[in-house]
Amino acid sequence: MNILARIVADKKKEVANRKALFPETYWEQSPLFERPTVSLKNSLLDKAVGIIAEHKRRSPSKAVINQSGSVARIAEAYTQAGVGGMSVLTDSKYFGGSLEDLVQARAVTSLPLLRKEFIIDPYQLIEAKAHGADAILLIAAVLERTEIKKLSEAAQSLGLEVLLEVHNQEELEKALMPSLDLLGVNNRDLKAFQVSLDTSKTLAAKIPDEFVKVSESGISSPEAVRELKPYGYRGFLIGEHLMRADNIQTFTHKFIQACQD
């Protein structure tokens, strides 16, 4: 069983346990549930360089990245640096995140927040809304087309935008549908965890213009952003490179400025 299959198997058990403890009606009473959401799509389009800056403590491929920084301080740093949105990893077992991280980020920033998670059940959309998310991630590699349709339509009914992540042309062709808002190309092979920007370049022309194109993973320099912009990418999801900085605000601001030079 590869790492992706293990994560999904564990996620199914986790979601079943959470459903038993906290029914959907519990989350629907959250003060954040009725909050009007902020468009991640529009925020990226409004920026010369649309960075989705990620809060990421660790990962299966890189182990510890940054365990010490508080979510609130990092959210404030990203906001001051001028990013277009913030991605918050909420998987605990493999990435060290939590839904509480979303709440803490929401308390200090007006940035659109993306719940970065292995979403397999509509229940997780209710959780996302109740914890302050504006958008959710769906991963084509772990979902059938019917599941993508069901989850994306359910997300939109809650006012949540949908970033659909693909790794190859087969996943892209399977997943294209009107209920998506942003199309993300992950440059990391989730089975081998190897990274190549050629994945974004190859798939760019196959993504219809109505979707905002986002490149994910392996973007560790302003040169990489400048290299991808001519292919129509308006969003760039960056986590590890920013999270490892000593001064995240200054580093992120300089990174954005360098992308425009």
Protein backbone atom coordinates (compact mmCIF):
# COMPACT_ATOMS: atom_id res chain seq x y z
CA MET A 1 0.00 0.00 0.00
CA ASN A 2 1.53 3.37 -1.05
CA ILE A 3 1.50 6.44 1.16
CA LEU A 4 -1.56 7.94 -0.53
CA ALA A 5 -3.60 4.76 -0.07
CA ARG A 6 -2.56 4.59 3.60
CA ILE A 7 -3.58 8.20 4.20
CA VAL A 8 -7.01 7.66 2.61
CA ALA A 9 -7.61 4.44 4.56
CA ASP A 10 -6.77 6.23 7.81
CA LYS A 11 -8.92 9.21 6.79
CA LYS A 12 -11.99 7.03 6.33
CA LYS A 13 -11.62 5.74 9.89
CA GLU A 14 -11.00 9.24 11.23
CA VAL A 15 -14.09 10.68 9.54
CA ALA A 16 -16.27 7.83 10.79
CA ASN A 17 -15.07 8.47 14.35
CA ARG A 18 -15.65 12.23 14.08
CA LYS A 19 -19.16 11.71 12.71
CA ALA A 20 -19.98 9.57 15.73
CA LEU A 21 -18.73 12.24 18.12
CA PHE A 22 -19.91 15.40 16.35
CA PRO A 23 -22.96 15.18 14.04
CA GLU A 24 -23.31 17.71 11.23
CA THR A 25 -25.94 19.60 13.24
CA TYR A 26 -23.28 20.28 15.88
CA TRP A 27 -21.01 22.04 13.38
CA GLU A 28 -23.90 23.91 11.77
CA GLN A 29 -24.34 25.78 15.07
CA SER A 30 -20.80 27.18 14.90
CA PRO A 31 -20.63 31.00 14.84
CA LEU A 32 -18.42 30.73 11.74
CA PHE A 33 -20.91 28.60 9.81
CA GLU A 34 -22.99 31.60 8.67
CA ARG A 35 -19.96 33.79 7.91
CA PRO A 36 -19.94 35.05 4.29
CA THR A 37 -17.01 33.43 2.52
CA VAL A 38 -14.22 35.28 0.68
CA SER A 39 -13.37 34.30 -2.89
CA LEU A 40 -9.94 32.70 -3.25
CA LYS A 41 -10.36 32.76 -7.01
CA ASN A 42 -10.92 36.52 -7.14
CA SER A 43 -8.15 37.20 -4.65
CA LEU A 44 -5.63 35.39 -6.86
CA LEU A 45 -6.84 37.17 -9.99
CA ASP A 46 -6.51 40.54 -8.24
CA LYS A 47 -2.81 39.93 -7.51
CA ALA A 48 0.09 40.39 -9.90
CA VAL A 49 1.45 37.20 -8.32
CA GLY A 50 -1.18 35.07 -6.59
CA ILE A 51 0.60 33.18 -3.85
CA ILE A 52 -1.36 30.69 -1.75
CA ALA A 53 0.92 30.49 1.27
CA GLU A 54 0.66 27.32 3.29
CA HIS A 55 0.84 26.53 6.98
CA LYS A 56 2.59 23.18 7.11
CA ARG A 57 4.29 21.66 10.15
CA ARG A 58 5.52 18.44 8.57
CA SER A 59 4.88 16.01 5.74
CA PRO A 60 5.48 12.33 4.94
CA SER A 61 8.24 13.27 2.48
CA LYS A 62 10.03 15.98 4.49
CA ALA A 63 9.33 15.05 8.13
CA VAL A 64 9.52 18.19 10.31
CA ILE A 65 9.31 21.52 8.46
CA ASN A 66 8.30 24.01 11.15
CA GLN A 67 6.80 22.85 14.43
CA SER A 68 7.44 26.02 16.42
CA GLY A 69 5.56 28.86 14.72
CA SER A 70 2.04 29.61 15.93
CA VAL A 71 -0.66 29.49 13.26
CA ALA A 72 -1.92 32.96 14.21
CA ARG A 73 1.52 34.57 13.90
CA ILE A 74 2.15 32.87 10.56
CA ALA A 75 -1.28 33.93 9.26
CA GLU A 76 -0.53 37.52 10.25
CA ALA A 77 2.88 37.31 8.58
CA TYR A 78 1.40 36.02 5.32
CA THR A 79 -1.28 38.72 5.41
CA GLN A 80 1.26 41.51 5.88
CA ALA A 81 3.46 40.04 3.14
CA GLY A 82 0.65 40.40 0.60
CA VAL A 83 -0.24 36.83 -0.35
CA GLY A 84 -3.46 36.01 -2.20
CA GLY A 85 -4.65 33.29 0.14
CA MET A 86 -3.60 30.87 2.85
CA SER A 87 -3.70 27.10 2.82
CA VAL A 88 -4.09 25.37 6.18
CA LEU A 89 -3.30 21.67 6.45
CA THR A 90 -5.77 20.03 8.81
CA ASP A 91 -4.60 16.40 8.64
CA SER A 92 -3.13 15.46 12.00
CA LYS A 93 -1.50 12.04 11.60
CA TYR A 94 0.65 12.75 8.54
CA PHE A 95 0.96 16.55 8.46
CA GLY A 96 0.59 17.63 12.09
CA GLY A 97 -2.35 19.94 11.41
CA SER A 98 -5.84 20.33 12.87
CA LEU A 99 -9.16 22.05 12.35
CA GLU A 100 -8.25 24.32 15.25
CA ASP A 101 -5.47 25.70 13.04
CA LEU A 102 -8.17 26.99 10.67
CA VAL A 103 -9.98 28.70 13.54
CA GLN A 104 -6.79 30.36 14.76
CA ALA A 105 -5.93 31.62 11.29
CA ARG A 106 -9.48 32.87 10.73
CA ALA A 107 -9.33 34.87 13.96
CA VAL A 108 -6.46 37.06 12.74
CA THR A 109 -6.77 37.34 8.96
CA SER A 110 -9.30 38.28 6.30
CA LEU A 111 -7.39 36.27 3.69
CA PRO A 112 -9.36 33.54 1.92
CA LEU A 113 -8.51 30.27 3.68
CA LEU A 114 -8.20 26.92 1.94
CA ARG A 115 -8.78 23.76 3.96
CA LYS A 116 -5.99 21.49 2.72
CA GLU A 117 -7.16 18.00 3.50
CA PHE A 118 -7.85 14.58 2.02
CA ILE A 119 -11.57 15.15 1.57
CA ILE A 120 -13.60 12.01 0.93
CA ASP A 121 -16.94 12.79 2.61
CA PRO A 122 -19.43 15.72 2.54
CA TYR A 123 -19.13 15.79 6.34
CA GLN A 124 -15.66 17.32 5.94
CA LEU A 125 -17.18 20.22 3.98
CA ILE A 126 -19.47 21.02 6.91
CA GLU A 127 -16.42 20.93 9.18
CA ALA A 128 -14.52 23.26 6.85
CA LYS A 129 -17.33 25.83 6.80
CA ALA A 130 -17.75 25.66 10.58
CA HIS A 131 -14.05 26.33 11.13
CA GLY A 132 -13.73 29.37 8.88
CA ALA A 133 -12.63 27.98 5.52
CA ASP A 134 -13.49 29.76 2.27
CA ALA A 135 -12.36 27.02 -0.10
CA ILE A 136 -11.62 23.31 -0.02
CA LEU A 137 -9.22 21.01 -1.82
CA LEU A 138 -10.37 17.93 -3.71
CA ILE A 139 -7.72 15.48 -4.92
CA ALA A 140 -8.61 13.71 -8.15
CA ALA A 141 -6.22 10.85 -7.39
CA VAL A 142 -8.36 9.66 -4.48
CA LEU A 143 -11.84 10.32 -5.88
CA GLU A 144 -14.03 8.96 -8.68
CA ARG A 145 -15.70 11.40 -11.05
CA THR A 146 -19.08 10.88 -9.35
CA GLU A 147 -17.50 11.66 -5.98
CA ILE A 148 -15.85 14.83 -7.32
CA LYS A 149 -19.21 15.97 -8.69
CA LYS A 150 -21.05 15.22 -5.43
CA LEU A 151 -18.43 16.89 -3.22
CA SER A 152 -17.86 19.94 -5.42
CA GLU A 153 -21.58 20.64 -5.79
CA ALA A 154 -22.06 20.22 -2.04
CA ALA A 155 -19.16 22.60 -1.39
CA GLN A 156 -20.59 25.25 -3.67
CA SER A 157 -24.00 24.94 -2.01
CA LEU A 158 -22.22 25.93 1.22
CA GLY A 159 -20.52 28.90 -0.43
CA LEU A 160 -17.14 27.17 -0.50
CA GLU A 161 -14.97 27.42 -3.60
CA VAL A 162 -13.34 24.25 -4.91
CA LEU A 163 -9.70 23.77 -5.84
CA LEU A 164 -9.41 20.47 -7.71
CA GLU A 165 -5.92 18.97 -7.72
CA VAL A 166 -4.64 16.75 -10.55
CA HIS A 167 -1.31 15.09 -11.26
CA ASN A 168 -1.71 13.98 -14.88
CA GLN A 169 -3.90 14.24 -17.99
CA GLU A 170 -6.02 11.23 -17.08
CA GLU A 171 -7.05 12.82 -13.77
CA LEU A 172 -7.69 16.15 -15.49
CA GLU A 173 -9.99 14.63 -18.10
CA LYS A 174 -11.84 12.68 -15.42
CA ALA A 175 -12.38 15.70 -13.22
CA LEU A 176 -13.35 18.65 -15.42
CA MET A 177 -16.85 19.89 -14.55
CA PRO A 178 -18.65 23.24 -13.99
CA SER A 179 -18.76 22.90 -10.18
CA LEU A 180 -15.02 23.59 -9.88
CA ASP A 181 -13.49 27.04 -9.42
CA LEU A 182 -9.75 26.50 -9.51
CA LEU A 183 -7.67 23.79 -11.15
CA GLY A 184 -4.45 22.87 -9.38
CA VAL A 185 -1.63 20.90 -10.95
CA ASN A 186 0.48 19.14 -8.34
CA ASN A 187 4.05 18.85 -9.53
CA ARG A 188 4.67 16.10 -6.98
CA ASP A 189 3.91 12.52 -7.89
CA LEU A 190 1.88 11.45 -4.84
CA LYS A 191 2.95 7.84 -5.27
CA ALA A 192 6.71 8.41 -5.54
CA PHE A 193 6.80 11.97 -4.08
CA GLN A 194 9.13 13.17 -6.86
CA VAL A 195 8.72 16.75 -8.14
CA SER A 196 8.89 18.28 -11.63
CA LEU A 197 7.57 21.64 -12.89
CA ASP A 198 7.18 20.00 -16.30
CA THR A 199 3.90 18.57 -15.00
CA SER A 200 2.40 22.07 -14.76
CA LYS A 201 3.80 23.06 -18.15
CA THR A 202 2.47 19.95 -19.89
CA LEU A 203 -1.07 20.19 -18.50
CA ALA A 204 -1.50 23.99 -18.76
CA ALA A 205 -2.88 24.04 -22.30
CA LYS A 206 -5.40 21.32 -21.46
CA ILE A 207 -7.05 23.34 -18.66
CA PRO A 208 -10.01 25.43 -19.92
CA ASP A 209 -9.72 29.18 -19.37
CA GLU A 210 -12.77 29.38 -17.07
CA PHE A 211 -10.74 27.77 -14.28
CA VAL A 212 -8.03 29.66 -12.43
CA LYS A 213 -4.83 27.67 -12.88
CA VAL A 214 -2.80 26.94 -9.76
CA SER A 215 0.61 25.26 -9.68
CA GLU A 216 1.38 23.28 -6.53
CA SER A 217 4.50 21.72 -4.98
CA GLY A 218 8.15 22.18 -5.78
CA ILE A 219 7.96 25.96 -6.22
CA SER A 220 11.04 27.06 -4.30
CA SER A 221 12.22 30.13 -6.18
CA PRO A 222 10.86 33.28 -7.85
CA GLU A 223 12.37 31.92 -11.06
CA ALA A 224 9.98 28.96 -10.92
CA VAL A 225 7.00 31.34 -10.65
CA ARG A 226 8.24 33.47 -13.54
CA GLU A 227 8.80 30.30 -15.54
CA LEU A 228 5.20 29.15 -15.03
CA LYS A 229 3.35 32.46 -15.46
CA PRO A 230 3.52 32.38 -19.30
CA TYR A 231 1.63 29.09 -19.16
CA GLY A 232 -1.38 30.89 -17.67
CA TYR A 233 -0.91 30.12 -13.99
CA ARG A 234 -2.37 32.76 -11.66
CA GLY A 235 -1.97 30.88 -8.39
CA PHE A 236 1.10 29.29 -6.82
CA LEU A 237 0.72 27.14 -3.71
CA ILE A 238 3.90 27.32 -1.65
CA GLY A 239 4.43 25.78 1.76
CA GLU A 240 7.77 24.35 2.79
CA HIS A 241 9.88 27.08 1.15
CA LEU A 242 8.11 29.83 3.11
CA MET A 243 7.64 27.89 6.35
CA ARG A 244 11.38 27.26 6.73
CA ALA A 245 12.20 30.99 6.74
CA ASP A 246 13.45 32.62 9.96
CA ASN A 247 11.31 35.71 9.31
CA ILE A 248 8.32 34.49 7.33
CA GLN A 249 6.78 37.92 6.69
CA THR A 250 9.94 39.51 5.30
CA PHE A 251 10.94 36.42 3.36
CA THR A 252 7.49 36.02 1.78
CA HIS A 253 7.26 39.71 0.87
CA LYS A 254 10.68 39.63 -0.80
CA PHE A 255 9.75 36.41 -2.59
CA ILE A 256 6.62 38.04 -4.06
CA GLN A 257 8.56 41.13 -5.10
CA ALA A 258 11.20 38.98 -6.79
CA CYS A 259 8.51 37.14 -8.77
CA GLN A 260 7.58 40.46 -10.39
CA ASP A 261 11.11 41.59 -11.30
